[in-house]
């Protein structure tokens, strides 16, 4: 996972598609990236053939949307939203379904191959892309069939999902690192929901390499290790969580967990 690790450390030259395919290796350790990079190349070539020379931005968005969503059938996976495969670019390309951020990666990467200005926008509880060439601009929602959104549409969507407004910083284009971290967190959540705690722990190991002072990651990994009966490691993580957040709202609860771990370890000695 060399590219993914480099991207998480902020290396600017790492391509999003290649790093996202390394992330997908959590589900398929033998995954080869080349066929999927070629698939994205072919998609971009098909769109380019339909556009002709120097098309306007509005025409580009219309043609790309028609190709990806109407013809290829990419769509949001509402029925199995928390399937880990929805965070894996290879499976998204194979099945043509995913969650907002993984479908947005497909959109961003096809556009990048055609030198088009498409960037991710991390709304609270949702993820969209924005096309903006200085003349034409639009928000596009890949999870909902590529529908075009105004800024007010985005605000309303965020309110429906989270009950709150969109903070000003959320309107800025996000980095590849941001996208990959969000994808890893989605995968972590999917593994927890599926009770695949060993896989969740591996994801958290990687996140903690990039964010070694993130208290919540220590707590979450500690809980995963507790489920795996890795008591000593769980104790270490939960103690680190309390050290990093001495005023945590759940301090009493975590302290009780640590006391229980101490008792269990005492019985084993």
Protein backbone atom coordinates (compact mmCIF):
# COMPACT_ATOMS: atom_id res chain seq x y z
CA UNK A 1 0.00 0.00 0.00
CA UNK A 2 2.86 2.31 -0.83
CA UNK A 3 0.81 4.81 -2.85
CA UNK A 4 -2.01 4.92 -0.32
CA UNK A 5 0.41 5.52 2.53
CA UNK A 6 2.16 8.26 0.57
CA UNK A 7 -1.15 9.95 -0.21
CA UNK A 8 -2.18 9.82 3.44
CA UNK A 9 1.09 11.55 4.32
CA UNK A 10 0.18 14.32 1.88
CA UNK A 11 2.40 13.43 -1.09
CA UNK A 12 1.06 15.63 -3.93
CA UNK A 13 2.08 13.45 -6.87
CA UNK A 14 0.00 10.38 -5.96
CA UNK A 15 -2.94 9.71 -8.27
CA UNK A 16 -6.31 9.27 -6.63
CA UNK A 17 -7.37 6.29 -8.74
CA UNK A 18 -4.19 4.30 -8.05
CA UNK A 19 -4.32 5.00 -4.31
CA UNK A 20 -8.03 4.14 -4.17
CA UNK A 21 -7.30 0.79 -5.82
CA UNK A 22 -4.70 0.08 -3.16
CA UNK A 23 -7.40 0.82 -0.58
CA UNK A 24 -9.59 -1.75 -2.33
CA UNK A 25 -6.96 -4.38 -1.56
CA UNK A 26 -8.37 -4.56 1.98
CA UNK A 27 -11.12 -6.62 0.38
CA UNK A 28 -9.06 -8.23 -2.40
CA UNK A 29 -5.40 -8.60 -1.39
CA UNK A 30 -4.53 -10.02 -4.83
CA UNK A 31 -6.09 -7.07 -6.68
CA UNK A 32 -4.26 -5.85 -9.78
CA UNK A 33 -4.81 -2.16 -10.44
CA UNK A 34 -3.96 -2.12 -14.15
CA UNK A 35 -7.27 -3.52 -15.52
CA UNK A 36 -9.25 -0.93 -13.59
CA UNK A 37 -7.01 1.96 -14.58
CA UNK A 38 -7.49 0.80 -18.18
CA UNK A 39 -11.25 0.71 -17.63
CA UNK A 40 -11.19 4.37 -16.59
CA UNK A 41 -8.99 5.16 -19.60
CA UNK A 42 -11.54 3.53 -21.89
CA UNK A 43 -14.40 5.47 -20.33
CA UNK A 44 -12.54 8.73 -20.87
CA UNK A 45 -11.78 7.80 -24.48
CA UNK A 46 -15.44 7.07 -25.14
CA UNK A 47 -16.51 10.41 -23.70
CA UNK A 48 -13.83 12.23 -25.71
CA UNK A 49 -15.04 10.59 -28.93
CA UNK A 50 -18.55 11.85 -28.30
CA UNK A 51 -17.52 15.38 -27.43
CA UNK A 52 -15.45 16.44 -30.39
CA UNK A 53 -12.89 19.27 -30.18
CA UNK A 54 -13.09 21.91 -27.41
CA UNK A 55 -16.65 21.39 -26.18
CA UNK A 56 -18.18 23.83 -23.72
CA UNK A 57 -18.36 22.89 -20.07
CA UNK A 58 -22.11 22.39 -20.05
CA UNK A 59 -21.85 20.00 -22.99
CA UNK A 60 -19.08 18.06 -21.25
CA UNK A 61 -21.14 17.56 -18.10
CA UNK A 62 -24.19 16.56 -20.13
CA UNK A 63 -22.29 13.98 -22.20
CA UNK A 64 -20.39 12.55 -19.23
CA UNK A 65 -23.59 12.24 -17.20
CA UNK A 66 -25.43 10.57 -20.05
CA UNK A 67 -22.61 8.08 -20.57
CA UNK A 68 -21.92 7.18 -16.93
CA UNK A 69 -25.43 7.17 -15.53
CA UNK A 70 -27.84 6.60 -18.42
CA UNK A 71 -25.79 4.20 -20.53
CA UNK A 72 -23.41 2.47 -18.12
CA UNK A 73 -25.94 2.62 -15.31
CA UNK A 74 -23.76 3.84 -12.43
CA UNK A 75 -26.03 4.43 -9.45
CA UNK A 76 -26.10 4.71 -5.69
CA UNK A 77 -26.35 1.48 -3.73
CA UNK A 78 -29.27 2.30 -1.44
CA UNK A 79 -30.17 -1.30 -0.67
CA UNK A 80 -26.71 -2.30 0.61
CA UNK A 81 -25.24 1.07 1.54
CA UNK A 82 -22.85 -0.35 4.17
CA UNK A 83 -21.46 -3.14 2.01
CA UNK A 84 -17.65 -2.79 2.25
CA UNK A 85 -17.45 -3.22 -1.52
CA UNK A 86 -19.05 0.19 -1.97
CA UNK A 87 -15.78 1.75 -0.78
CA UNK A 88 -13.62 -0.34 -3.14
CA UNK A 89 -13.04 1.23 -6.55
CA UNK A 90 -12.65 -2.09 -8.35
CA UNK A 91 -16.03 -3.32 -7.13
CA UNK A 92 -17.67 0.02 -7.88
CA UNK A 93 -16.40 -0.23 -11.47
CA UNK A 94 -17.44 -3.88 -11.79
CA UNK A 95 -20.88 -3.52 -10.26
CA UNK A 96 -21.48 0.09 -11.32
CA UNK A 97 -22.85 0.98 -7.93
CA UNK A 98 -21.42 2.48 -4.78
CA UNK A 99 -21.72 5.22 -2.20
CA UNK A 100 -21.45 8.96 -2.91
CA UNK A 101 -17.70 9.30 -2.49
CA UNK A 102 -16.68 6.21 -4.47
CA UNK A 103 -18.98 7.12 -7.37
CA UNK A 104 -17.51 10.62 -7.22
CA UNK A 105 -14.02 9.15 -7.58
CA UNK A 106 -15.11 7.54 -10.86
CA UNK A 107 -16.47 10.88 -12.07
CA UNK A 108 -13.37 12.81 -10.98
CA UNK A 109 -10.98 10.34 -12.59
CA UNK A 110 -12.75 10.23 -15.95
CA UNK A 111 -12.81 14.04 -15.98
CA UNK A 112 -9.13 14.24 -14.98
CA UNK A 113 -8.14 12.13 -17.96
CA UNK A 114 -9.84 14.71 -20.17
CA UNK A 115 -8.21 17.67 -18.38
CA UNK A 116 -11.55 18.87 -17.07
CA UNK A 117 -11.85 20.85 -13.79
CA UNK A 118 -13.89 18.51 -11.59
CA UNK A 119 -13.26 18.40 -7.85
CA UNK A 120 -14.79 16.70 -4.85
CA UNK A 121 -16.97 18.61 -2.38
CA UNK A 122 -17.31 17.08 1.07
CA UNK A 123 -20.79 18.04 2.24
CA UNK A 124 -21.85 16.96 5.73
CA UNK A 125 -23.22 13.44 5.35
CA UNK A 126 -22.89 13.41 1.57
CA UNK A 127 -20.34 13.88 -1.20
CA UNK A 128 -20.74 15.55 -4.58
CA UNK A 129 -18.47 16.93 -7.29
CA UNK A 130 -18.21 20.39 -8.79
CA UNK A 131 -17.40 21.29 -12.36
CA UNK A 132 -16.08 24.84 -12.73
CA UNK A 133 -14.14 26.11 -15.73
CA UNK A 134 -14.69 29.79 -14.99
CA UNK A 135 -17.52 30.03 -17.51
CA UNK A 136 -19.82 27.16 -16.58
CA UNK A 137 -20.16 25.72 -13.10
CA UNK A 138 -22.43 23.10 -11.54
CA UNK A 139 -22.58 20.68 -8.64
CA UNK A 140 -23.14 17.08 -9.72
CA UNK A 141 -24.51 14.32 -7.46
CA UNK A 142 -23.16 10.97 -8.75
CA UNK A 143 -25.07 9.00 -6.10
CA UNK A 144 -28.37 10.23 -7.51
CA UNK A 145 -27.77 9.62 -11.20
CA UNK A 146 -25.64 12.69 -11.84
CA UNK A 147 -28.39 15.17 -11.04
CA UNK A 148 -27.29 18.80 -11.22
CA UNK A 149 -27.50 20.80 -8.00
CA UNK A 150 -27.38 24.45 -7.06
CA UNK A 151 -25.70 25.61 -3.87
CA UNK A 152 -29.12 25.85 -2.22
CA UNK A 153 -29.89 22.28 -3.34
CA UNK A 154 -26.69 21.17 -1.61
CA UNK A 155 -27.65 23.01 1.56
CA UNK A 156 -31.08 21.39 1.57
CA UNK A 157 -29.56 17.96 0.98
CA UNK A 158 -27.18 18.44 3.91
CA UNK A 159 -30.05 19.59 6.14
CA UNK A 160 -32.07 16.50 5.23
CA UNK A 161 -29.19 14.20 6.15
CA UNK A 162 -27.65 15.91 9.18
CA UNK A 163 -30.16 18.52 10.30
CA UNK A 164 -27.51 21.23 10.06
CA UNK A 165 -26.16 23.71 7.53
CA UNK A 166 -23.05 23.41 5.39
CA UNK A 167 -20.01 25.10 7.01
CA UNK A 168 -18.20 27.56 4.79
CA UNK A 169 -15.08 25.38 4.59
CA UNK A 170 -17.08 22.51 3.08
CA UNK A 171 -17.56 24.42 -0.19
CA UNK A 172 -13.84 24.27 -0.94
CA UNK A 173 -12.55 21.52 -3.26
CA UNK A 174 -11.12 18.70 -1.21
CA UNK A 175 -7.73 17.06 -1.64
CA UNK A 176 -7.00 13.50 -2.69
CA UNK A 177 -5.87 12.89 0.89
CA UNK A 178 -9.24 14.04 2.23
CA UNK A 179 -11.07 11.71 -0.15
CA UNK A 180 -8.94 8.71 0.78
CA UNK A 181 -9.30 9.36 4.52
CA UNK A 182 -13.06 9.63 4.14
CA UNK A 183 -13.12 6.40 2.13
CA UNK A 184 -11.08 4.64 4.81
CA UNK A 185 -13.45 5.86 7.49
CA UNK A 186 -16.41 4.61 5.47
CA UNK A 187 -14.71 1.23 5.12
CA UNK A 188 -13.98 1.15 8.85
CA UNK A 189 -17.64 1.83 9.59
CA UNK A 190 -18.73 -0.87 7.14
CA UNK A 191 -16.45 -3.42 8.79
CA UNK A 192 -17.79 -2.54 12.23
CA UNK A 193 -21.37 -2.92 11.08
CA UNK A 194 -20.47 -6.31 9.59
CA UNK A 195 -18.62 -7.26 12.81
CA UNK A 196 -15.44 -7.78 10.78
CA UNK A 197 -13.29 -6.43 13.59
CA UNK A 198 -9.97 -7.80 12.35
CA UNK A 199 -10.35 -5.91 9.07
CA UNK A 200 -11.49 -2.80 10.93
CA UNK A 201 -8.32 -2.98 13.02
CA UNK A 202 -6.11 -3.07 9.93
CA UNK A 203 -7.86 0.00 8.52
CA UNK A 204 -7.43 1.80 11.84
CA UNK A 205 -3.73 0.88 11.91
CA UNK A 206 -3.33 2.74 8.63
CA UNK A 207 -5.37 5.73 9.79
CA UNK A 208 -3.29 6.00 12.95
CA UNK A 209 -0.10 6.05 10.88
CA UNK A 210 -1.44 9.22 9.27
CA UNK A 211 -3.11 10.64 12.40
CA UNK A 212 -1.09 9.41 15.39
CA UNK A 213 -2.85 11.77 17.82
CA UNK A 214 -6.44 11.08 16.75
CA UNK A 215 -8.06 9.95 19.99
CA UNK A 216 -11.20 8.54 18.40
CA UNK A 217 -9.16 6.14 16.28
CA UNK A 218 -7.49 4.76 19.40
CA UNK A 219 -10.85 4.27 21.08
CA UNK A 220 -12.37 2.60 18.01
CA UNK A 221 -9.39 0.29 17.57
CA UNK A 222 -9.52 -0.53 21.27
CA UNK A 223 -13.17 -1.55 20.95
CA UNK A 224 -12.35 -3.67 17.89
CA UNK A 225 -9.51 -5.38 19.74
CA UNK A 226 -11.81 -5.98 22.68
CA UNK A 227 -14.20 -7.82 20.37
CA UNK A 228 -11.23 -9.85 19.12
CA UNK A 229 -10.23 -10.65 22.73
CA UNK A 230 -6.89 -8.92 22.22
CA UNK A 231 -7.09 -7.64 25.76
CA UNK A 232 -3.62 -6.21 26.28
CA UNK A 233 -3.72 -4.30 22.99
CA UNK A 234 -7.27 -3.11 23.71
CA UNK A 235 -6.19 -1.82 27.11
CA UNK A 236 -3.30 0.10 25.55
CA UNK A 237 -5.57 1.77 22.99
CA UNK A 238 -8.26 2.73 25.49
CA UNK A 239 -5.67 4.12 27.89
CA UNK A 240 -4.23 6.21 25.06
CA UNK A 241 -7.73 7.48 24.25
CA UNK A 242 -8.17 8.72 27.82
CA UNK A 243 -4.68 10.22 27.83
CA UNK A 244 -5.43 12.20 24.66
CA UNK A 245 -8.91 13.27 25.82
CA UNK A 246 -8.83 13.61 29.61
CA UNK A 247 -12.17 15.46 29.59
CA UNK A 248 -13.96 12.95 27.32
CA UNK A 249 -17.72 12.74 27.87
CA UNK A 250 -17.50 8.95 27.94
CA UNK A 251 -14.55 8.82 30.34
CA UNK A 252 -16.53 6.96 33.01
CA UNK A 253 -17.71 4.35 30.51
CA UNK A 254 -14.23 3.78 29.09
CA UNK A 255 -12.79 3.58 32.61
CA UNK A 256 -15.28 0.80 33.41
CA UNK A 257 -14.17 -1.04 30.27
CA UNK A 258 -10.56 -0.75 31.38
CA UNK A 259 -11.40 -2.05 34.85
CA UNK A 260 -13.12 -5.05 33.28
CA UNK A 261 -10.07 -5.70 31.07
CA UNK A 262 -7.80 -5.59 34.14
CA UNK A 263 -10.00 -8.19 35.84
CA UNK A 264 -10.02 -10.45 32.78
CA UNK A 265 -6.25 -10.22 32.41
CA UNK A 266 -5.85 -10.99 36.11
CA UNK A 267 -7.80 -14.20 35.71
CA UNK A 268 -5.54 -15.26 32.85
CA UNK A 269 -2.35 -14.86 34.92
